[in-house]
């Protein structure tokens, strides 16, 4: 439950040039991170639906 917002904030920070400078994540890692965040969100929704 708490993982989804944490993952979203981590993705936003890791993608921000203002925060990370020249060390921002690439497009492939950004895409993979958002897919993982969406999968975690879907898992949380499924958990509440079946609870």
C-alpha atoms as a PDB file:
ATOM      1  CA  UNK A   1       0.000   0.000   0.000  1.00  0.00           C
ATOM      2  CA  UNK A   2       2.735   2.440   0.856  1.00  0.00           C
ATOM      3  CA  UNK A   3       5.026   1.179  -1.911  1.00  0.00           C
ATOM      4  CA  UNK A   4       3.141   2.809  -4.792  1.00  0.00           C
ATOM      5  CA  UNK A   5       3.511   6.442  -3.658  1.00  0.00           C
ATOM      6  CA  UNK A   6       7.133   5.820  -2.688  1.00  0.00           C
ATOM      7  CA  UNK A   7       7.878   4.291  -6.094  1.00  0.00           C
ATOM      8  CA  UNK A   8       6.132   7.187  -7.856  1.00  0.00           C
ATOM      9  CA  UNK A   9       8.127   9.792  -5.924  1.00  0.00           C
ATOM     10  CA  UNK A  10      11.358   7.895  -6.599  1.00  0.00           C
ATOM     11  CA  UNK A  11      10.555   7.830 -10.322  1.00  0.00           C
ATOM     12  CA  UNK A  12       9.808  11.550 -10.360  1.00  0.00           C
ATOM     13  CA  UNK A  13      13.023  12.351  -8.507  1.00  0.00           C
ATOM     14  CA  UNK A  14      15.175  10.039 -10.631  1.00  0.00           C
ATOM     15  CA  UNK A  15      13.737  11.571 -13.828  1.00  0.00           C
ATOM     16  CA  UNK A  16      14.231  15.168 -12.723  1.00  0.00           C
ATOM     17  CA  UNK A  17      17.291  16.917 -14.085  1.00  0.00           C
ATOM     18  CA  UNK A  18      16.801  19.600 -11.422  1.00  0.00           C
ATOM     19  CA  UNK A  19      17.182  16.980  -8.694  1.00  0.00           C
ATOM     20  CA  UNK A  20      19.673  14.566 -10.270  1.00  0.00           C
ATOM     21  CA  UNK A  21      21.712  16.889 -12.472  1.00  0.00           C
ATOM     22  CA  UNK A  22      23.511  14.889 -15.168  1.00  0.00           C
ATOM     23  CA  UNK A  23      22.666  11.584 -13.460  1.00  0.00           C
ATOM     24  CA  UNK A  24      19.033  11.275 -14.576  1.00  0.00           C
ATOM     25  CA  UNK A  25      17.799   7.831 -15.559  1.00  0.00           C
ATOM     26  CA  UNK A  26      17.490   6.904 -19.216  1.00  0.00           C
ATOM     27  CA  UNK A  27      14.312   6.382 -21.213  1.00  0.00           C
ATOM     28  CA  UNK A  28      14.365   2.582 -20.952  1.00  0.00           C
ATOM     29  CA  UNK A  29      14.843   2.607 -17.182  1.00  0.00           C
ATOM     30  CA  UNK A  30      12.204   5.326 -16.822  1.00  0.00           C
ATOM     31  CA  UNK A  31       9.729   3.237 -18.833  1.00  0.00           C
ATOM     32  CA  UNK A  32      10.536   0.101 -16.845  1.00  0.00           C
ATOM     33  CA  UNK A  33      10.178   1.963 -13.546  1.00  0.00           C
ATOM     34  CA  UNK A  34       6.762   3.344 -14.448  1.00  0.00           C
ATOM     35  CA  UNK A  35       5.622  -0.099 -15.633  1.00  0.00           C
ATOM     36  CA  UNK A  36       6.749  -1.559 -12.293  1.00  0.00           C
ATOM     37  CA  UNK A  37       4.919   1.222 -10.434  1.00  0.00           C
ATOM     38  CA  UNK A  38       1.740   0.550 -12.422  1.00  0.00           C
ATOM     39  CA  UNK A  39       2.051  -3.194 -11.766  1.00  0.00           C
ATOM     40  CA  UNK A  40       2.404  -2.529  -8.051  1.00  0.00           C
ATOM     41  CA  UNK A  41      -0.634  -0.237  -8.129  1.00  0.00           C
ATOM     42  CA  UNK A  42      -2.656  -2.934  -9.922  1.00  0.00           C
ATOM     43  CA  UNK A  43      -1.569  -5.444  -7.302  1.00  0.00           C
ATOM     44  CA  UNK A  44      -2.723  -3.161  -4.493  1.00  0.00           C
ATOM     45  CA  UNK A  45      -6.083  -2.653  -6.214  1.00  0.00           C
ATOM     46  CA  UNK A  46      -6.451  -6.421  -6.686  1.00  0.00           C
ATOM     47  CA  UNK A  47      -5.593  -6.973  -3.037  1.00  0.00           C
ATOM     48  CA  UNK A  48      -8.374  -4.620  -1.911  1.00  0.00           C
ATOM     49  CA  UNK A  49     -10.893  -6.058  -4.379  1.00  0.00           C
ATOM     50  CA  UNK A  50     -10.327  -9.604  -3.156  1.00  0.00           C
ATOM     51  CA  UNK A  51     -10.004  -8.757   0.528  1.00  0.00           C
END
